[in-house]
């Protein structure tokens, strides 16, 4: 009997040791992996052709403050022949508070009143009350973009020029019109350029952001860089008292982030402007060609929105993909001073 108790005790001890080891292994396997602050922030599983991802992080991301405003959006949005892309990105907006921007080409194919009502309305139109739009070339297919101005009303600014500005927290936001001909030109001395200079002079700010449809810099294979907006860049870069940090655009149906640069495309970490191309609203996907030297992150097969958290002297960016896609890009930057 004594031997039986001894054997039973040894057997129970073995079972307890085995159970404890199993529990420790399970806890260890479920523990979160340590995060390295220098880990690249643009990520994608098995990037497809025409897609490149960011190679290194730009700056550590500070903790977001609840009082700092959010600006979120994209361009090249609703295709009336297939609403699925726009609906996917509209669902992202449903979950993100803040001000919504559009980077032009709001509804395809022609920006008619019916297309705004029946296609844009049920998707991104759910957020019309908090949207600050900009025009694109497809918006001008119908009556000089009159359906666009009628739909967005006062939020779209002056119908003669298609420009306006507003403040968002400590930031000054400028909306321009890259459809130069109907606006009377985009070059030096044009009505729009005079308005821009005046607006910059009247609104010195710790940080400034501008957006319009056609980007000065783009590696996109369908349109690429558009020099018609070079004067906008010249004025924004020269306005040191406004501390212009960011320019947003669309036109090419892809996502691309650039390093801070001057209007000639030269890297300028101290005073340069960072440009984002965010033609990812839902219309379609288009491939890249040879990347420009200052291009830092690219993706050509993911719909999504760019979320910007605007701090008093800096910003955080995050590209948020549609459900089911894995490409992301995030980081932080400072306003030039």
Protein backbone atom coordinates (compact mmCIF):
# COMPACT_ATOMS: atom_id res chain seq x y z
CA UNK A 1 0.00 0.00 0.00
CA UNK A 2 2.87 2.35 0.83
CA UNK A 3 4.39 1.67 -2.56
CA UNK A 4 1.02 2.35 -4.22
CA UNK A 5 0.75 5.81 -2.56
CA UNK A 6 4.33 6.59 -3.57
CA UNK A 7 3.69 5.65 -7.19
CA UNK A 8 0.45 7.66 -7.25
CA UNK A 9 2.23 10.75 -5.88
CA UNK A 10 4.98 10.49 -8.48
CA UNK A 11 2.39 10.13 -11.28
CA UNK A 12 0.41 13.21 -10.06
CA UNK A 13 3.57 15.28 -9.83
CA UNK A 14 4.46 14.34 -13.41
CA UNK A 15 1.01 15.37 -14.62
CA UNK A 16 1.26 18.75 -12.80
CA UNK A 17 4.73 19.45 -14.26
CA UNK A 18 3.56 18.59 -17.78
CA UNK A 19 0.45 20.83 -17.42
CA UNK A 20 2.52 23.75 -16.08
CA UNK A 21 5.02 23.46 -18.94
CA UNK A 22 2.19 23.38 -21.48
CA UNK A 23 0.56 26.43 -19.90
CA UNK A 24 3.87 28.36 -19.94
CA UNK A 25 4.44 27.49 -23.60
CA UNK A 26 0.91 28.62 -24.48
CA UNK A 27 1.30 31.92 -22.61
CA UNK A 28 4.64 32.56 -24.29
CA UNK A 29 3.27 31.91 -27.76
CA UNK A 30 0.43 34.38 -27.19
CA UNK A 31 2.64 37.16 -25.84
CA UNK A 32 2.88 40.23 -28.14
CA UNK A 33 6.09 40.61 -30.09
CA UNK A 34 8.36 43.48 -29.10
CA UNK A 35 8.02 46.44 -31.44
CA UNK A 36 11.01 48.19 -32.91
CA UNK A 37 10.38 51.92 -33.44
CA UNK A 38 12.50 51.85 -36.59
CA UNK A 39 10.36 49.15 -38.21
CA UNK A 40 9.12 50.19 -41.69
CA UNK A 41 5.57 51.46 -41.51
CA UNK A 42 4.46 50.86 -45.10
CA UNK A 43 3.58 47.17 -45.23
CA UNK A 44 1.99 44.78 -47.63
CA UNK A 45 1.92 41.01 -47.97
CA UNK A 46 3.34 39.82 -51.29
CA UNK A 47 3.27 43.15 -53.20
CA UNK A 48 1.87 42.72 -56.72
CA UNK A 49 3.44 44.04 -59.87
CA UNK A 50 3.45 47.85 -60.10
CA UNK A 51 3.46 48.11 -56.32
CA UNK A 52 6.38 49.23 -54.17
CA UNK A 53 6.35 49.84 -50.46
CA UNK A 54 8.12 52.14 -48.12
CA UNK A 55 11.62 51.11 -47.11
CA UNK A 56 12.14 53.01 -43.87
CA UNK A 57 10.28 55.07 -41.33
CA UNK A 58 10.53 58.85 -41.50
CA UNK A 59 10.04 59.80 -37.85
CA UNK A 60 8.71 58.33 -34.61
CA UNK A 61 4.96 58.72 -34.28
CA UNK A 62 3.89 60.74 -31.24
CA UNK A 63 0.79 59.91 -29.28
CA UNK A 64 -2.30 61.49 -30.85
CA UNK A 65 -4.14 64.07 -28.83
CA UNK A 66 -7.90 63.87 -28.78
CA UNK A 67 -8.24 67.59 -29.42
CA UNK A 68 -6.10 67.57 -32.58
CA UNK A 69 -8.27 67.60 -35.74
CA UNK A 70 -8.39 64.88 -38.37
CA UNK A 71 -8.53 65.42 -42.14
CA UNK A 72 -9.38 62.29 -44.12
CA UNK A 73 -10.24 61.52 -47.72
CA UNK A 74 -9.13 60.62 -51.26
CA UNK A 75 -9.77 61.52 -54.88
CA UNK A 76 -11.07 59.71 -57.99
CA UNK A 77 -13.99 58.36 -56.09
CA UNK A 78 -17.32 57.15 -57.48
CA UNK A 79 -17.85 55.23 -60.72
CA UNK A 80 -21.53 55.07 -61.57
CA UNK A 81 -20.92 51.85 -63.51
CA UNK A 82 -19.58 50.11 -60.40
CA UNK A 83 -20.17 51.59 -56.95
CA UNK A 84 -18.29 48.86 -55.08
CA UNK A 85 -14.99 50.74 -54.77
CA UNK A 86 -16.62 53.93 -53.52
CA UNK A 87 -18.80 51.98 -51.12
CA UNK A 88 -15.71 50.26 -49.71
CA UNK A 89 -14.01 53.59 -48.97
CA UNK A 90 -17.25 55.18 -47.73
CA UNK A 91 -17.43 52.42 -45.13
CA UNK A 92 -13.99 53.50 -43.92
CA UNK A 93 -15.24 57.08 -43.54
CA UNK A 94 -18.22 55.78 -41.56
CA UNK A 95 -15.76 54.85 -38.80
CA UNK A 96 -13.40 57.85 -38.94
CA UNK A 97 -14.44 61.19 -37.39
CA UNK A 98 -13.14 64.50 -38.68
CA UNK A 99 -13.26 66.65 -41.80
CA UNK A 100 -13.48 64.84 -45.16
CA UNK A 101 -11.54 66.14 -48.18
CA UNK A 102 -11.94 65.10 -51.80
CA UNK A 103 -9.04 65.40 -54.25
CA UNK A 104 -11.20 65.86 -57.35
CA UNK A 105 -13.02 63.65 -59.86
CA UNK A 106 -15.77 63.10 -57.34
CA UNK A 107 -18.11 61.13 -59.63
CA UNK A 108 -17.65 59.43 -63.01
CA UNK A 109 -18.04 59.54 -65.85
CA UNK A 110 -19.18 63.13 -66.25
CA UNK A 111 -20.11 64.73 -62.93
CA UNK A 112 -23.75 65.29 -63.89
CA UNK A 113 -26.43 66.25 -61.39
CA UNK A 114 -27.95 62.77 -61.69
CA UNK A 115 -24.59 61.11 -61.09
CA UNK A 116 -24.00 63.20 -57.98
CA UNK A 117 -27.48 62.35 -56.73
CA UNK A 118 -27.61 58.64 -57.59
CA UNK A 119 -23.96 57.58 -57.26
CA UNK A 120 -22.03 59.97 -55.04
CA UNK A 121 -25.00 60.58 -52.74
CA UNK A 122 -25.50 57.00 -51.47
CA UNK A 123 -21.75 56.47 -50.90
CA UNK A 124 -19.50 59.40 -49.99
CA UNK A 125 -22.57 61.63 -49.86
CA UNK A 126 -23.29 60.10 -46.48
CA UNK A 127 -20.58 62.49 -45.25
CA UNK A 128 -21.53 65.53 -47.30
CA UNK A 129 -22.12 67.72 -44.26
CA UNK A 130 -18.48 67.39 -43.17
CA UNK A 131 -16.87 67.35 -46.64
CA UNK A 132 -14.62 70.07 -48.07
CA UNK A 133 -14.31 69.11 -51.76
CA UNK A 134 -12.09 70.01 -54.68
CA UNK A 135 -12.80 69.75 -58.40
CA UNK A 136 -11.30 67.44 -61.02
CA UNK A 137 -11.35 67.22 -64.79
CA UNK A 138 -14.32 64.83 -64.81
CA UNK A 139 -16.32 67.26 -62.68
CA UNK A 140 -15.87 69.78 -65.50
CA UNK A 141 -17.39 67.47 -68.12
CA UNK A 142 -20.80 68.91 -67.29
CA UNK A 143 -21.63 72.61 -67.63
CA UNK A 144 -18.38 74.01 -66.27
CA UNK A 145 -18.74 71.85 -63.14
CA UNK A 146 -22.04 73.51 -62.26
CA UNK A 147 -23.52 70.22 -60.91
CA UNK A 148 -20.48 69.96 -58.61
CA UNK A 149 -21.00 73.49 -57.27
CA UNK A 150 -24.76 72.96 -57.00
CA UNK A 151 -24.30 69.71 -55.07
CA UNK A 152 -21.74 70.95 -52.55
CA UNK A 153 -23.12 74.51 -52.45
CA UNK A 154 -21.18 76.96 -50.26
CA UNK A 155 -18.70 74.27 -49.19
CA UNK A 156 -17.26 74.25 -52.73
CA UNK A 157 -16.21 77.90 -52.63
CA UNK A 158 -16.44 80.52 -55.37
CA UNK A 159 -17.84 78.92 -58.59
CA UNK A 160 -15.89 81.39 -60.73
CA UNK A 161 -12.52 80.10 -59.55
CA UNK A 162 -13.27 76.94 -57.59
CA UNK A 163 -10.97 77.97 -54.73
CA UNK A 164 -11.43 78.59 -51.00
CA UNK A 165 -9.64 78.16 -47.69
CA UNK A 166 -10.49 77.30 -44.11
CA UNK A 167 -8.82 76.73 -40.75
CA UNK A 168 -8.64 73.35 -39.04
CA UNK A 169 -7.18 73.58 -35.56
CA UNK A 170 -3.83 75.34 -35.83
CA UNK A 171 -3.65 74.58 -39.56
CA UNK A 172 -4.67 76.69 -42.53
CA UNK A 173 -6.13 74.63 -45.40
CA UNK A 174 -6.13 75.89 -49.01
CA UNK A 175 -8.21 74.32 -51.82
CA UNK A 176 -7.20 75.12 -55.41
CA UNK A 177 -8.49 74.27 -58.89
CA UNK A 178 -6.14 72.46 -61.27
CA UNK A 179 -8.59 72.83 -64.17
CA UNK A 180 -6.70 75.89 -65.27
CA UNK A 181 -8.53 76.96 -68.43
CA UNK A 182 -12.02 77.43 -66.91
CA UNK A 183 -10.41 79.19 -63.92
CA UNK A 184 -8.62 81.72 -66.12
CA UNK A 185 -5.22 80.00 -65.88
CA UNK A 186 -2.92 78.73 -63.14
CA UNK A 187 0.27 80.61 -64.04
CA UNK A 188 1.85 83.75 -62.62
CA UNK A 189 -0.58 86.67 -62.56
CA UNK A 190 -3.66 84.49 -63.16
CA UNK A 191 -6.77 85.24 -61.07
CA UNK A 192 -6.25 82.04 -59.09
CA UNK A 193 -2.57 82.74 -58.44
CA UNK A 194 -3.39 86.26 -57.23
CA UNK A 195 -6.01 84.79 -54.91
CA UNK A 196 -3.47 82.28 -53.57
CA UNK A 197 -0.87 84.94 -52.84
CA UNK A 198 -3.44 87.08 -51.08
CA UNK A 199 -4.73 84.16 -49.01
CA UNK A 200 -1.21 83.20 -47.91
CA UNK A 201 -0.43 86.78 -46.91
CA UNK A 202 -3.63 87.06 -44.89
CA UNK A 203 -3.27 83.72 -43.12
CA UNK A 204 0.17 83.15 -41.66
CA UNK A 205 -0.03 79.88 -39.75
CA UNK A 206 2.15 77.45 -37.86
CA UNK A 207 1.26 74.84 -40.50
CA UNK A 208 -0.45 74.98 -43.91
CA UNK A 209 -1.84 72.27 -46.19
CA UNK A 210 -3.13 72.60 -49.78
CA UNK A 211 -4.98 70.21 -52.07
CA UNK A 212 -6.14 70.05 -55.67
CA UNK A 213 -6.64 67.35 -58.29
CA UNK A 214 -3.67 67.20 -60.69
CA UNK A 215 -0.35 66.66 -58.88
CA UNK A 216 2.90 68.34 -59.87
CA UNK A 217 4.75 65.12 -59.00
CA UNK A 218 3.50 61.63 -59.84
CA UNK A 219 5.02 58.31 -60.92
CA UNK A 220 1.65 57.17 -62.26
CA UNK A 221 1.63 55.54 -65.66
CA UNK A 222 -1.60 57.12 -66.92
CA UNK A 223 -0.99 60.82 -66.24
CA UNK A 224 2.23 61.35 -64.35
CA UNK A 225 3.53 64.75 -63.24
CA UNK A 226 1.44 67.74 -64.33
CA UNK A 227 3.41 70.96 -64.73
CA UNK A 228 0.33 73.16 -64.97
CA UNK A 229 0.32 73.57 -61.18
CA UNK A 230 4.01 74.49 -60.84
CA UNK A 231 3.16 78.12 -59.95
CA UNK A 232 1.03 76.90 -57.03
CA UNK A 233 4.06 75.03 -55.71
CA UNK A 234 6.34 78.04 -56.23
CA UNK A 235 4.05 80.29 -54.20
CA UNK A 236 3.42 77.74 -51.44
CA UNK A 237 7.11 76.90 -51.09
CA UNK A 238 8.08 80.58 -50.96
CA UNK A 239 5.49 81.38 -48.25
CA UNK A 240 7.78 80.62 -45.34
CA UNK A 241 5.54 82.49 -42.88
CA UNK A 242 2.77 79.98 -43.66
CA UNK A 243 4.96 76.91 -43.02
CA UNK A 244 3.46 74.86 -45.86
CA UNK A 245 3.96 71.19 -44.99
CA UNK A 246 1.63 69.13 -47.18
CA UNK A 247 0.07 69.05 -50.65
CA UNK A 248 -2.55 66.43 -51.57
CA UNK A 249 -3.71 65.37 -55.04
CA UNK A 250 -5.27 62.62 -57.11
CA UNK A 251 -5.71 62.15 -60.89
CA UNK A 252 -3.53 59.02 -61.08
CA UNK A 253 -5.53 56.16 -59.60
CA UNK A 254 -2.96 55.04 -57.06
CA UNK A 255 -1.34 55.94 -53.75
CA UNK A 256 2.07 57.60 -53.63
CA UNK A 257 3.98 59.44 -50.92
CA UNK A 258 6.93 61.73 -51.58
CA UNK A 259 9.73 63.00 -49.38
CA UNK A 260 9.75 66.74 -48.59
CA UNK A 261 11.00 68.50 -51.74
CA UNK A 262 11.21 71.86 -53.47
CA UNK A 263 9.18 72.80 -56.58
CA UNK A 264 11.97 71.48 -58.81
CA UNK A 265 11.78 68.01 -57.26
CA UNK A 266 14.96 68.30 -55.20
CA UNK A 267 14.95 66.79 -51.69
CA UNK A 268 14.63 69.48 -49.03
CA UNK A 269 14.25 68.03 -45.52
CA UNK A 270 14.34 71.46 -43.83
CA UNK A 271 11.87 73.51 -45.90
CA UNK A 272 10.41 71.10 -48.45
CA UNK A 273 6.76 70.16 -48.94
CA UNK A 274 5.58 66.55 -48.72
CA UNK A 275 3.12 65.52 -51.45
CA UNK A 276 0.62 62.66 -51.34
CA UNK A 277 -1.18 61.34 -54.42
CA UNK A 278 -4.38 59.70 -53.16
CA UNK A 279 -6.36 58.67 -56.24
CA UNK A 280 -7.69 55.70 -54.28
CA UNK A 281 -11.30 56.69 -53.66
CA UNK A 282 -12.81 53.79 -55.62
CA UNK A 283 -12.88 54.47 -59.38
CA UNK A 284 -10.19 52.06 -60.63
CA UNK A 285 -6.55 51.03 -60.36
CA UNK A 286 -3.75 52.07 -62.71
CA UNK A 287 -0.08 51.02 -62.83
CA UNK A 288 3.09 52.97 -62.10
CA UNK A 289 5.98 53.70 -64.42
CA UNK A 290 9.56 54.43 -63.27
CA UNK A 291 9.34 55.96 -59.75
CA UNK A 292 10.46 59.54 -59.33
CA UNK A 293 13.62 60.00 -57.21
CA UNK A 294 11.75 61.43 -54.22
CA UNK A 295 8.97 58.82 -54.21
CA UNK A 296 8.99 56.97 -50.88
CA UNK A 297 5.93 54.68 -50.92
CA UNK A 298 3.58 53.45 -53.65
CA UNK A 299 0.63 51.12 -54.15
CA UNK A 300 -1.47 50.54 -57.26
CA UNK A 301 -4.09 47.99 -56.30
CA UNK A 302 -5.73 49.15 -53.06
CA UNK A 303 -8.65 51.49 -52.52
CA UNK A 304 -8.44 53.45 -49.30
CA UNK A 305 -8.31 56.83 -47.59
CA UNK A 306 -5.53 59.00 -46.21
CA UNK A 307 -6.02 60.02 -42.59
CA UNK A 308 -4.06 63.03 -41.36
CA UNK A 309 -3.94 64.01 -37.69
CA UNK A 310 -2.95 67.68 -37.57
CA UNK A 311 -0.97 68.67 -34.47
CA UNK A 312 -0.03 72.33 -33.82
CA UNK A 313 3.46 71.96 -35.36
CA UNK A 314 3.46 68.45 -36.84
CA UNK A 315 1.29 65.78 -38.42
CA UNK A 316 0.72 62.04 -38.52
CA UNK A 317 -0.35 60.24 -41.67
CA UNK A 318 -1.98 56.85 -42.12
CA UNK A 319 -3.22 55.21 -45.31
CA UNK A 320 -6.19 53.04 -44.35
CA UNK A 321 -7.00 50.30 -46.88
CA UNK A 322 -10.38 48.90 -47.86
CA UNK A 323 -11.48 45.75 -46.06
CA UNK A 324 -9.53 42.70 -47.18
CA UNK A 325 -6.40 44.54 -48.37
CA UNK A 326 -3.10 44.67 -46.50
CA UNK A 327 -1.17 47.68 -47.82
CA UNK A 328 -0.65 50.40 -45.21
CA UNK A 329 1.57 53.42 -44.88
CA UNK A 330 2.03 55.55 -41.77
CA UNK A 331 4.43 57.99 -40.19
CA UNK A 332 4.90 61.50 -38.83
CA UNK A 333 6.44 64.75 -39.96
CA UNK A 334 7.06 68.29 -38.78
CA UNK A 335 5.92 71.53 -40.34
CA UNK A 336 8.90 73.42 -41.85
CA UNK A 337 10.23 76.25 -39.68
